Amino acid sequence: MADKNEMISANRVYGSLLNIVRKNKYDFDDDEEIMTVNFDVKREASFIPFTITIDAERQLIRLYSPLDVQIDENNRFEACVNICKCSCELDMGSFDYDLYSGSIEFRMATSFNGSLISDKQIENMISYTCGVVKKYTDRLCS
């Protein structure tokens, strides 16, 4: 359970996250109790879905973005190597792969323990994720 100071920090970061989604006019839904915001970012002809959670106890911003990729059942084992290679190329974050469903998700986390997280930091996380998803979606489909 998060202590009082951890909750104050987490609420501050959650407020910054809400400022970002409102400022960018993203359609979003949020759950204040679990400090989670779901929204989509429009990039070119598609949308990139996001779930960002503020973990008060661990003092983390957790970002998840599923890729619009479904690996064919016959290629799932071979895809593991490609997904691992792609994860190794990333500066931040990694890909999670569900071998049974063939789905891929990008995830990233950053700590705000003892730090002030600006709106710009959250915007950078979102922007970086959009770039990763755009760059790797086609590559992971092949």
N, C-alpha and C. Protein backbone atom coordinates (compact mmCIF):
# COMPACT_ATOMS: atom_id res chain seq x y z
N MET A 1 0.84 -1.18 0.00
CA MET A 1 0.00 0.00 0.00
C MET A 1 0.88 1.24 0.00
N ALA A 2 0.56 2.17 -0.85
CA ALA A 2 1.33 3.41 -0.96
C ALA A 2 1.10 4.29 0.26
N ASP A 3 2.17 4.95 0.71
CA ASP A 3 2.03 5.87 1.83
C ASP A 3 1.53 7.23 1.32
N LYS A 4 1.35 8.16 2.23
CA LYS A 4 0.76 9.46 1.90
C LYS A 4 1.60 10.22 0.86
N ASN A 5 2.92 10.26 1.05
CA ASN A 5 3.79 10.98 0.11
C ASN A 5 3.80 10.33 -1.27
N GLU A 6 3.78 9.00 -1.30
CA GLU A 6 3.73 8.29 -2.58
C GLU A 6 2.42 8.59 -3.32
N MET A 7 1.33 8.67 -2.57
CA MET A 7 0.04 8.98 -3.19
C MET A 7 0.01 10.42 -3.72
N ILE A 8 0.62 11.34 -2.98
CA ILE A 8 0.69 12.73 -3.45
C ILE A 8 1.45 12.79 -4.77
N SER A 9 2.61 12.12 -4.82
CA SER A 9 3.41 12.09 -6.06
C SER A 9 2.63 11.44 -7.20
N ALA A 10 1.99 10.32 -6.91
CA ALA A 10 1.24 9.60 -7.94
C ALA A 10 0.07 10.44 -8.46
N ASN A 11 -0.63 11.12 -7.57
CA ASN A 11 -1.74 11.98 -7.99
C ASN A 11 -1.25 13.13 -8.86
N ARG A 12 -0.08 13.66 -8.56
CA ARG A 12 0.50 14.74 -9.36
C ARG A 12 0.80 14.23 -10.78
N VAL A 13 1.39 13.05 -10.87
CA VAL A 13 1.71 12.47 -12.19
C VAL A 13 0.42 12.13 -12.94
N TYR A 14 -0.56 11.59 -12.24
CA TYR A 14 -1.85 11.26 -12.86
C TYR A 14 -2.50 12.54 -13.40
N GLY A 15 -2.41 13.62 -12.65
CA GLY A 15 -2.94 14.90 -13.12
C GLY A 15 -2.23 15.37 -14.38
N SER A 16 -0.92 15.20 -14.44
CA SER A 16 -0.16 15.55 -15.65
C SER A 16 -0.61 14.72 -16.84
N LEU A 17 -0.82 13.43 -16.61
CA LEU A 17 -1.29 12.55 -17.67
C LEU A 17 -2.65 13.01 -18.20
N LEU A 18 -3.56 13.34 -17.31
CA LEU A 18 -4.87 13.83 -17.74
C LEU A 18 -4.74 15.15 -18.49
N ASN A 19 -3.83 16.02 -18.06
CA ASN A 19 -3.60 17.28 -18.78
C ASN A 19 -3.18 17.01 -20.22
N ILE A 20 -2.30 16.04 -20.41
CA ILE A 20 -1.80 15.70 -21.75
C ILE A 20 -2.92 15.20 -22.65
N VAL A 21 -3.72 14.26 -22.16
CA VAL A 21 -4.77 13.70 -23.02
C VAL A 21 -5.84 14.76 -23.33
N ARG A 22 -6.09 15.64 -22.39
CA ARG A 22 -7.07 16.72 -22.64
C ARG A 22 -6.50 17.75 -23.61
N LYS A 23 -5.24 18.13 -23.40
CA LYS A 23 -4.60 19.13 -24.26
C LYS A 23 -4.54 18.66 -25.71
N ASN A 24 -4.29 17.38 -25.90
CA ASN A 24 -4.20 16.82 -27.25
C ASN A 24 -5.55 16.38 -27.81
N LYS A 25 -6.59 16.59 -27.01
CA LYS A 25 -7.97 16.28 -27.43
C LYS A 25 -8.15 14.81 -27.83
N TYR A 26 -7.47 13.92 -27.08
CA TYR A 26 -7.66 12.49 -27.29
C TYR A 26 -8.99 12.09 -26.66
N ASP A 27 -9.72 11.20 -27.34
CA ASP A 27 -10.87 10.58 -26.69
C ASP A 27 -10.30 9.61 -25.67
N PHE A 28 -10.76 9.71 -24.45
CA PHE A 28 -10.18 8.85 -23.42
C PHE A 28 -11.22 8.46 -22.40
N ASP A 29 -10.92 7.38 -21.70
CA ASP A 29 -11.67 7.04 -20.50
C ASP A 29 -10.64 6.80 -19.41
N ASP A 30 -11.02 7.17 -18.23
CA ASP A 30 -10.08 7.04 -17.12
C ASP A 30 -10.76 6.43 -15.91
N ASP A 31 -9.96 5.83 -15.07
CA ASP A 31 -10.42 5.26 -13.82
C ASP A 31 -9.52 5.83 -12.73
N GLU A 32 -10.04 6.82 -12.05
CA GLU A 32 -9.25 7.54 -11.05
C GLU A 32 -8.83 6.63 -9.90
N GLU A 33 -9.68 5.67 -9.56
CA GLU A 33 -9.38 4.78 -8.44
C GLU A 33 -8.11 3.96 -8.68
N ILE A 34 -7.93 3.48 -9.90
CA ILE A 34 -6.72 2.70 -10.21
C ILE A 34 -5.73 3.51 -11.05
N MET A 35 -5.98 4.79 -11.18
CA MET A 35 -5.11 5.74 -11.90
C MET A 35 -4.70 5.21 -13.27
N THR A 36 -5.70 4.90 -14.08
CA THR A 36 -5.48 4.37 -15.42
C THR A 36 -6.24 5.21 -16.44
N VAL A 37 -5.58 5.48 -17.56
CA VAL A 37 -6.19 6.22 -18.66
C VAL A 37 -6.02 5.39 -19.94
N ASN A 38 -7.11 5.21 -20.67
CA ASN A 38 -7.11 4.54 -21.97
C ASN A 38 -7.45 5.57 -23.03
N PHE A 39 -6.68 5.59 -24.11
CA PHE A 39 -6.94 6.53 -25.19
C PHE A 39 -6.29 6.03 -26.47
N ASP A 40 -6.66 6.65 -27.58
CA ASP A 40 -6.09 6.32 -28.89
C ASP A 40 -5.43 7.56 -29.47
N VAL A 41 -4.30 7.37 -30.12
CA VAL A 41 -3.61 8.46 -30.82
C VAL A 41 -3.74 8.18 -32.31
N LYS A 42 -4.26 9.17 -33.04
CA LYS A 42 -4.41 9.00 -34.49
C LYS A 42 -3.08 9.31 -35.16
N ARG A 43 -2.59 8.34 -35.91
CA ARG A 43 -1.36 8.50 -36.69
C ARG A 43 -1.66 8.05 -38.11
N GLU A 44 -1.56 8.98 -39.03
CA GLU A 44 -1.84 8.72 -40.44
C GLU A 44 -3.22 8.10 -40.56
N ALA A 45 -3.32 6.89 -41.10
CA ALA A 45 -4.63 6.30 -41.36
C ALA A 45 -5.10 5.36 -40.26
N SER A 46 -4.37 5.30 -39.14
CA SER A 46 -4.75 4.35 -38.10
C SER A 46 -4.70 4.99 -36.72
N PHE A 47 -5.16 4.23 -35.76
CA PHE A 47 -5.13 4.66 -34.36
C PHE A 47 -4.20 3.75 -33.58
N ILE A 48 -3.46 4.33 -32.65
CA ILE A 48 -2.59 3.57 -31.78
C ILE A 48 -3.20 3.60 -30.39
N PRO A 49 -3.64 2.46 -29.87
CA PRO A 49 -4.27 2.43 -28.55
C PRO A 49 -3.23 2.46 -27.43
N PHE A 50 -3.57 3.16 -26.36
CA PHE A 50 -2.71 3.28 -25.19
C PHE A 50 -3.48 2.97 -23.93
N THR A 51 -2.81 2.35 -22.99
CA THR A 51 -3.25 2.26 -21.60
C THR A 51 -2.07 2.71 -20.77
N ILE A 52 -2.27 3.76 -19.99
CA ILE A 52 -1.22 4.24 -19.10
C ILE A 52 -1.75 4.18 -17.68
N THR A 53 -0.98 3.54 -16.83
CA THR A 53 -1.34 3.38 -15.42
C THR A 53 -0.26 4.00 -14.55
N ILE A 54 -0.70 4.70 -13.53
CA ILE A 54 0.22 5.26 -12.53
C ILE A 54 0.19 4.31 -11.34
N ASP A 55 1.33 3.71 -11.05
CA ASP A 55 1.47 2.77 -9.94
C ASP A 55 2.03 3.53 -8.75
N ALA A 56 1.15 3.88 -7.82
CA ALA A 56 1.55 4.70 -6.67
C ALA A 56 2.54 3.98 -5.77
N GLU A 57 2.29 2.71 -5.52
CA GLU A 57 3.14 1.95 -4.60
C GLU A 57 4.56 1.80 -5.14
N ARG A 58 4.70 1.51 -6.40
CA ARG A 58 6.02 1.31 -7.00
C ARG A 58 6.59 2.59 -7.60
N GLN A 59 5.75 3.67 -7.63
CA GLN A 59 6.16 4.96 -8.17
C GLN A 59 6.58 4.83 -9.64
N LEU A 60 5.71 4.19 -10.42
CA LEU A 60 5.98 3.95 -11.84
C LEU A 60 4.87 4.47 -12.73
N ILE A 61 5.26 4.93 -13.90
CA ILE A 61 4.32 5.17 -14.99
C ILE A 61 4.45 3.94 -15.89
N ARG A 62 3.35 3.22 -16.08
CA ARG A 62 3.36 2.01 -16.93
C ARG A 62 2.55 2.29 -18.18
N LEU A 63 3.17 2.10 -19.31
CA LEU A 63 2.53 2.36 -20.60
C LEU A 63 2.44 1.04 -21.37
N TYR A 64 1.27 0.79 -21.92
CA TYR A 64 1.02 -0.40 -22.73
C TYR A 64 0.36 0.02 -24.04
N SER A 65 0.81 -0.57 -25.13
CA SER A 65 0.20 -0.28 -26.42
C SER A 65 0.20 -1.55 -27.27
N PRO A 66 -0.98 -2.18 -27.43
CA PRO A 66 -1.04 -3.38 -28.27
C PRO A 66 -0.84 -3.02 -29.74
N LEU A 67 -0.09 -3.83 -30.44
CA LEU A 67 0.11 -3.63 -31.87
C LEU A 67 -1.02 -4.29 -32.63
N ASP A 68 -1.37 -3.68 -33.75
CA ASP A 68 -2.41 -4.25 -34.60
C ASP A 68 -1.79 -5.36 -35.45
N VAL A 69 -1.33 -6.40 -34.75
CA VAL A 69 -0.62 -7.51 -35.37
C VAL A 69 -1.19 -8.80 -34.79
N GLN A 70 -1.44 -9.73 -35.65
CA GLN A 70 -1.86 -11.06 -35.22
C GLN A 70 -1.00 -12.06 -35.97
N ILE A 71 -0.10 -12.71 -35.24
CA ILE A 71 0.81 -13.68 -35.87
C ILE A 71 0.03 -14.95 -36.17
N ASP A 72 0.15 -15.40 -37.41
CA ASP A 72 -0.52 -16.63 -37.84
C ASP A 72 -0.05 -17.80 -36.97
N GLU A 73 -0.96 -18.68 -36.66
CA GLU A 73 -0.67 -19.81 -35.77
C GLU A 73 0.50 -20.66 -36.26
N ASN A 74 0.65 -20.79 -37.55
CA ASN A 74 1.73 -21.61 -38.11
C ASN A 74 3.10 -20.96 -38.01
N ASN A 75 3.14 -19.66 -37.73
CA ASN A 75 4.41 -18.93 -37.70
C ASN A 75 4.79 -18.42 -36.31
N ARG A 76 4.08 -18.83 -35.28
CA ARG A 76 4.28 -18.23 -33.96
C ARG A 76 5.63 -18.53 -33.33
N PHE A 77 6.14 -19.72 -33.50
CA PHE A 77 7.44 -20.02 -32.91
C PHE A 77 8.55 -19.25 -33.63
N GLU A 78 8.47 -19.18 -34.94
CA GLU A 78 9.47 -18.45 -35.71
C GLU A 78 9.41 -16.95 -35.39
N ALA A 79 8.23 -16.46 -35.12
CA ALA A 79 8.06 -15.04 -34.81
C ALA A 79 8.76 -14.65 -33.51
N CYS A 80 8.91 -15.59 -32.59
CA CYS A 80 9.56 -15.30 -31.31
C CYS A 80 10.94 -14.69 -31.50
N VAL A 81 11.72 -15.25 -32.40
CA VAL A 81 13.08 -14.76 -32.64
C VAL A 81 13.03 -13.33 -33.19
N ASN A 82 12.16 -13.09 -34.14
CA ASN A 82 12.03 -11.75 -34.72
C ASN A 82 11.61 -10.73 -33.67
N ILE A 83 10.68 -11.10 -32.82
CA ILE A 83 10.20 -10.19 -31.77
C ILE A 83 11.32 -9.89 -30.78
N CYS A 84 12.09 -10.89 -30.41
CA CYS A 84 13.24 -10.67 -29.51
C CYS A 84 14.27 -9.75 -30.14
N LYS A 85 14.56 -9.94 -31.42
CA LYS A 85 15.49 -9.06 -32.12
C LYS A 85 15.00 -7.62 -32.10
N CYS A 86 13.73 -7.44 -32.38
CA CYS A 86 13.16 -6.09 -32.38
C CYS A 86 13.25 -5.46 -31.00
N SER A 87 12.96 -6.22 -29.96
CA SER A 87 13.05 -5.69 -28.59
C SER A 87 14.47 -5.25 -28.26
N CYS A 88 15.46 -6.00 -28.74
CA CYS A 88 16.86 -5.67 -28.47
C CYS A 88 17.29 -4.37 -29.16
N GLU A 89 16.60 -3.99 -30.22
CA GLU A 89 16.93 -2.77 -30.95
C GLU A 89 16.38 -1.51 -30.27
N LEU A 90 15.47 -1.67 -29.34
CA LEU A 90 14.80 -0.52 -28.73
C LEU A 90 15.67 0.15 -27.68
N ASP A 91 15.59 1.48 -27.63
CA ASP A 91 16.27 2.25 -26.58
C ASP A 91 15.51 2.14 -25.27
N MET A 92 14.20 2.11 -25.36
CA MET A 92 13.35 2.03 -24.17
C MET A 92 12.20 1.07 -24.47
N GLY A 93 11.73 0.39 -23.44
CA GLY A 93 10.58 -0.48 -23.58
C GLY A 93 10.94 -1.81 -24.22
N SER A 94 9.90 -2.62 -24.40
CA SER A 94 10.08 -3.94 -25.02
C SER A 94 8.74 -4.43 -25.54
N PHE A 95 8.81 -5.49 -26.33
CA PHE A 95 7.61 -6.12 -26.84
C PHE A 95 7.29 -7.35 -26.00
N ASP A 96 6.02 -7.50 -25.68
CA ASP A 96 5.53 -8.72 -25.04
C ASP A 96 4.77 -9.50 -26.10
N TYR A 97 4.98 -10.79 -26.11
CA TYR A 97 4.39 -11.65 -27.13
C TYR A 97 3.63 -12.77 -26.45
N ASP A 98 2.38 -12.93 -26.83
CA ASP A 98 1.57 -14.03 -26.33
C ASP A 98 1.59 -15.14 -27.38
N LEU A 99 2.32 -16.17 -27.09
CA LEU A 99 2.51 -17.27 -28.03
C LEU A 99 1.19 -17.95 -28.38
N TYR A 100 0.26 -17.99 -27.44
CA TYR A 100 -1.00 -18.70 -27.67
C TYR A 100 -1.98 -17.92 -28.53
N SER A 101 -2.00 -16.60 -28.36
CA SER A 101 -2.94 -15.80 -29.16
C SER A 101 -2.28 -15.17 -30.38
N GLY A 102 -0.95 -15.07 -30.37
CA GLY A 102 -0.24 -14.43 -31.47
C GLY A 102 -0.25 -12.92 -31.40
N SER A 103 -0.64 -12.37 -30.26
CA SER A 103 -0.71 -10.91 -30.12
C SER A 103 0.60 -10.35 -29.57
N ILE A 104 0.87 -9.09 -29.92
CA ILE A 104 2.09 -8.41 -29.49
C ILE A 104 1.70 -7.08 -28.86
N GLU A 105 2.38 -6.74 -27.78
CA GLU A 105 2.13 -5.49 -27.08
C GLU A 105 3.46 -4.82 -26.78
N PHE A 106 3.51 -3.51 -26.97
CA PHE A 106 4.68 -2.74 -26.55
C PHE A 106 4.43 -2.25 -25.14
N ARG A 107 5.46 -2.31 -24.31
CA ARG A 107 5.31 -1.79 -22.95
C ARG A 107 6.56 -1.02 -22.56
N MET A 108 6.35 -0.05 -21.70
CA MET A 108 7.43 0.77 -21.21
C MET A 108 7.04 1.28 -19.83
N ALA A 109 8.04 1.47 -18.98
CA ALA A 109 7.79 2.02 -17.65
C ALA A 109 8.90 3.00 -17.31
N THR A 110 8.56 3.96 -16.48
CA THR A 110 9.56 4.89 -15.96
C THR A 110 9.19 5.22 -14.52
N SER A 111 10.20 5.41 -13.72
CA SER A 111 9.98 5.70 -12.31
C SER A 111 9.87 7.20 -12.08
N PHE A 112 9.01 7.57 -11.15
CA PHE A 112 8.95 8.96 -10.72
C PHE A 112 9.30 9.09 -9.25
N ASN A 113 9.93 8.07 -8.69
CA ASN A 113 10.32 8.06 -7.28
C ASN A 113 11.35 9.16 -7.03
N GLY A 114 11.00 10.13 -6.22
CA GLY A 114 11.89 11.23 -5.89
C GLY A 114 12.11 12.19 -7.04
N SER A 115 11.26 12.14 -8.06
CA SER A 115 11.43 12.98 -9.24
C SER A 115 10.16 13.78 -9.51
N LEU A 116 10.34 14.82 -10.26
CA LEU A 116 9.20 15.56 -10.79
C LEU A 116 9.06 15.17 -12.25
N ILE A 117 7.92 14.65 -12.61
CA ILE A 117 7.66 14.25 -14.00
C ILE A 117 6.87 15.37 -14.66
N SER A 118 7.42 15.91 -15.72
CA SER A 118 6.74 17.00 -16.42
C SER A 118 5.78 16.44 -17.46
N ASP A 119 4.89 17.31 -17.91
CA ASP A 119 4.00 16.93 -19.00
C ASP A 119 4.82 16.51 -20.22
N LYS A 120 5.95 17.18 -20.44
CA LYS A 120 6.80 16.88 -21.59
C LYS A 120 7.33 15.45 -21.53
N GLN A 121 7.67 14.96 -20.35
CA GLN A 121 8.15 13.58 -20.22
C GLN A 121 7.08 12.59 -20.66
N ILE A 122 5.85 12.83 -20.23
CA ILE A 122 4.75 11.94 -20.62
C ILE A 122 4.49 12.05 -22.13
N GLU A 123 4.53 13.27 -22.66
CA GLU A 123 4.37 13.44 -24.11
C GLU A 123 5.46 12.70 -24.87
N ASN A 124 6.69 12.74 -24.36
CA ASN A 124 7.79 12.03 -25.01
C ASN A 124 7.57 10.52 -25.00
N MET A 125 7.05 9.99 -23.90
CA MET A 125 6.76 8.56 -23.83
C MET A 125 5.72 8.17 -24.88
N ILE A 126 4.69 8.99 -25.01
CA ILE A 126 3.63 8.72 -25.99
C ILE A 126 4.18 8.81 -27.41
N SER A 127 4.94 9.86 -27.68
CA SER A 127 5.52 10.06 -29.00
C SER A 127 6.48 8.93 -29.37
N TYR A 128 7.34 8.55 -28.43
CA TYR A 128 8.28 7.45 -28.67
C TYR A 128 7.53 6.16 -28.99
N THR A 129 6.48 5.89 -28.23
CA THR A 129 5.69 4.68 -28.46
C THR A 129 5.05 4.70 -29.84
N CYS A 130 4.52 5.84 -30.24
CA CYS A 130 3.93 5.93 -31.59
C CYS A 130 4.97 5.61 -32.65
N GLY A 131 6.18 6.12 -32.48
CA GLY A 131 7.25 5.83 -33.43
C GLY A 131 7.61 4.35 -33.47
N VAL A 132 7.69 3.74 -32.29
CA VAL A 132 8.02 2.31 -32.21
C VAL A 132 6.93 1.47 -32.87
N VAL A 133 5.69 1.77 -32.55
CA VAL A 133 4.58 0.99 -33.11
C VAL A 133 4.55 1.13 -34.62
N LYS A 134 4.73 2.36 -35.11
CA LYS A 134 4.73 2.59 -36.56
C LYS A 134 5.89 1.84 -37.22
N LYS A 135 7.07 1.93 -36.64
CA LYS A 135 8.26 1.32 -37.24
C LYS A 135 8.19 -0.21 -37.26
N TYR A 136 7.69 -0.80 -36.18
CA TYR A 136 7.80 -2.25 -36.04
C TYR A 136 6.55 -3.04 -36.42
N THR A 137 5.41 -2.40 -36.56
CA THR A 137 4.19 -3.16 -36.88
C THR A 137 4.36 -3.95 -38.18
N ASP A 138 4.79 -3.28 -39.24
CA ASP A 138 4.96 -3.99 -40.52
C ASP A 138 6.05 -5.05 -40.43
N ARG A 139 7.12 -4.72 -39.75
CA ARG A 139 8.23 -5.67 -39.63
C ARG A 139 7.82 -6.93 -38.87
N LEU A 140 7.00 -6.76 -37.86
CA LEU A 140 6.58 -7.91 -37.06
C LEU A 140 5.49 -8.73 -37.73
N CYS A 141 4.84 -8.15 -38.72
CA CYS A 141 3.82 -8.90 -39.47
C CYS A 141 4.45 -9.86 -40.47
N SER A 142 5.67 -9.57 -40.88
CA SER A 142 6.28 -10.40 -41.94
C SER A 142 6.98 -11.61 -41.38
